[in-house]
């Protein structure tokens, strides 16, 4: 049991894992903060673009993929 405890104290694998987890969490946190920072400006800009294009065009909401139903029927 004493040898097990000595080996456990000497091993550094766990410390390296903790370092990578903290580093990864920091990168993810910075990414989320960056998106949250620019989200309002992008939404406002999309609204301005839609206004400038007039009533014949529209800006697709964020996260929507594909074409409008009218364009899909023409193909």
C-alpha atoms as a PDB file:
ATOM      1  CA  UNK A   1       0.000   0.000   0.000  1.00  0.00           C
ATOM      2  CA  UNK A   2       2.884   2.363   0.724  1.00  0.00           C
ATOM      3  CA  UNK A   3       4.368   1.761  -2.759  1.00  0.00           C
ATOM      4  CA  UNK A   4       0.981   2.539  -4.295  1.00  0.00           C
ATOM      5  CA  UNK A   5       0.811   5.878  -2.472  1.00  0.00           C
ATOM      6  CA  UNK A   6       4.381   6.804  -3.492  1.00  0.00           C
ATOM      7  CA  UNK A   7       3.649   6.079  -7.149  1.00  0.00           C
ATOM      8  CA  UNK A   8       0.364   7.969  -6.979  1.00  0.00           C
ATOM      9  CA  UNK A   9       2.085  11.103  -5.640  1.00  0.00           C
ATOM     10  CA  UNK A  10       4.811  10.956  -8.327  1.00  0.00           C
ATOM     11  CA  UNK A  11       2.461  10.607 -11.327  1.00  0.00           C
ATOM     12  CA  UNK A  12       1.649  13.819 -13.215  1.00  0.00           C
ATOM     13  CA  UNK A  13      -0.892  12.554 -15.756  1.00  0.00           C
ATOM     14  CA  UNK A  14      -3.834  13.898 -13.779  1.00  0.00           C
ATOM     15  CA  UNK A  15      -2.305  17.371 -13.543  1.00  0.00           C
ATOM     16  CA  UNK A  16      -1.831  17.535 -17.320  1.00  0.00           C
ATOM     17  CA  UNK A  17      -5.445  16.499 -17.842  1.00  0.00           C
ATOM     18  CA  UNK A  18      -6.655  19.247 -15.518  1.00  0.00           C
ATOM     19  CA  UNK A  19      -4.530  21.784 -17.401  1.00  0.00           C
ATOM     20  CA  UNK A  20      -6.105  20.784 -20.726  1.00  0.00           C
ATOM     21  CA  UNK A  21      -9.620  20.885 -19.280  1.00  0.00           C
ATOM     22  CA  UNK A  22      -9.057  24.406 -17.916  1.00  0.00           C
ATOM     23  CA  UNK A  23      -7.510  25.574 -21.199  1.00  0.00           C
ATOM     24  CA  UNK A  24     -10.385  24.120 -23.232  1.00  0.00           C
ATOM     25  CA  UNK A  25     -12.967  25.712 -20.930  1.00  0.00           C
ATOM     26  CA  UNK A  26     -11.250  29.078 -21.336  1.00  0.00           C
ATOM     27  CA  UNK A  27     -11.293  28.822 -25.143  1.00  0.00           C
ATOM     28  CA  UNK A  28     -14.972  27.833 -25.169  1.00  0.00           C
ATOM     29  CA  UNK A  29     -15.784  30.681 -22.766  1.00  0.00           C
ATOM     30  CA  UNK A  30     -14.020  33.210 -24.988  1.00  0.00           C
ATOM     31  CA  UNK A  31     -15.894  31.899 -28.013  1.00  0.00           C
ATOM     32  CA  UNK A  32     -19.263  32.237 -26.291  1.00  0.00           C
ATOM     33  CA  UNK A  33     -18.366  35.734 -25.079  1.00  0.00           C
ATOM     34  CA  UNK A  34     -17.337  36.746 -28.603  1.00  0.00           C
ATOM     35  CA  UNK A  35     -20.590  35.532 -30.126  1.00  0.00           C
ATOM     36  CA  UNK A  36     -22.636  37.251 -27.420  1.00  0.00           C
ATOM     37  CA  UNK A  37     -20.751  40.490 -28.036  1.00  0.00           C
ATOM     38  CA  UNK A  38     -21.429  40.703 -31.784  1.00  0.00           C
ATOM     39  CA  UNK A  39     -24.875  39.093 -31.892  1.00  0.00           C
ATOM     40  CA  UNK A  40     -26.797  42.335 -31.347  1.00  0.00           C
ATOM     41  CA  UNK A  41     -24.829  44.205 -33.993  1.00  0.00           C
ATOM     42  CA  UNK A  42     -25.284  41.453 -36.553  1.00  0.00           C
ATOM     43  CA  UNK A  43     -29.033  41.319 -35.932  1.00  0.00           C
ATOM     44  CA  UNK A  44     -29.263  45.099 -36.322  1.00  0.00           C
ATOM     45  CA  UNK A  45     -27.205  45.034 -39.507  1.00  0.00           C
ATOM     46  CA  UNK A  46     -29.384  42.297 -40.988  1.00  0.00           C
ATOM     47  CA  UNK A  47     -32.462  44.431 -40.277  1.00  0.00           C
ATOM     48  CA  UNK A  48     -30.879  47.447 -41.989  1.00  0.00           C
ATOM     49  CA  UNK A  49     -29.980  45.342 -45.033  1.00  0.00           C
ATOM     50  CA  UNK A  50     -33.542  44.051 -45.237  1.00  0.00           C
ATOM     51  CA  UNK A  51     -34.901  47.613 -45.057  1.00  0.00           C
ATOM     52  CA  UNK A  52     -32.567  48.798 -47.812  1.00  0.00           C
ATOM     53  CA  UNK A  53     -33.452  45.914 -50.110  1.00  0.00           C
ATOM     54  CA  UNK A  54     -37.115  46.874 -49.989  1.00  0.00           C
ATOM     55  CA  UNK A  55     -40.264  44.837 -49.795  1.00  0.00           C
ATOM     56  CA  UNK A  56     -39.320  42.372 -52.561  1.00  0.00           C
ATOM     57  CA  UNK A  57     -36.528  40.764 -50.537  1.00  0.00           C
ATOM     58  CA  UNK A  58     -36.172  39.466 -47.015  1.00  0.00           C
ATOM     59  CA  UNK A  59     -33.362  38.387 -44.724  1.00  0.00           C
ATOM     60  CA  UNK A  60     -33.614  34.786 -43.534  1.00  0.00           C
ATOM     61  CA  UNK A  61     -33.566  34.508 -39.754  1.00  0.00           C
ATOM     62  CA  UNK A  62     -30.414  33.165 -38.136  1.00  0.00           C
ATOM     63  CA  UNK A  63     -30.257  29.378 -38.247  1.00  0.00           C
ATOM     64  CA  UNK A  64     -32.741  28.902 -41.090  1.00  0.00           C
ATOM     65  CA  UNK A  65     -31.410  27.007 -44.077  1.00  0.00           C
ATOM     66  CA  UNK A  66     -32.876  26.466 -47.508  1.00  0.00           C
ATOM     67  CA  UNK A  67     -34.913  28.548 -49.880  1.00  0.00           C
ATOM     68  CA  UNK A  68     -38.315  30.123 -49.626  1.00  0.00           C
ATOM     69  CA  UNK A  69     -41.235  27.956 -50.718  1.00  0.00           C
ATOM     70  CA  UNK A  70     -41.764  29.994 -53.924  1.00  0.00           C
ATOM     71  CA  UNK A  71     -38.186  29.512 -55.138  1.00  0.00           C
ATOM     72  CA  UNK A  72     -38.281  25.789 -54.391  1.00  0.00           C
ATOM     73  CA  UNK A  73     -41.394  25.313 -56.537  1.00  0.00           C
ATOM     74  CA  UNK A  74     -39.747  26.969 -59.575  1.00  0.00           C
ATOM     75  CA  UNK A  75     -36.932  24.391 -59.763  1.00  0.00           C
END
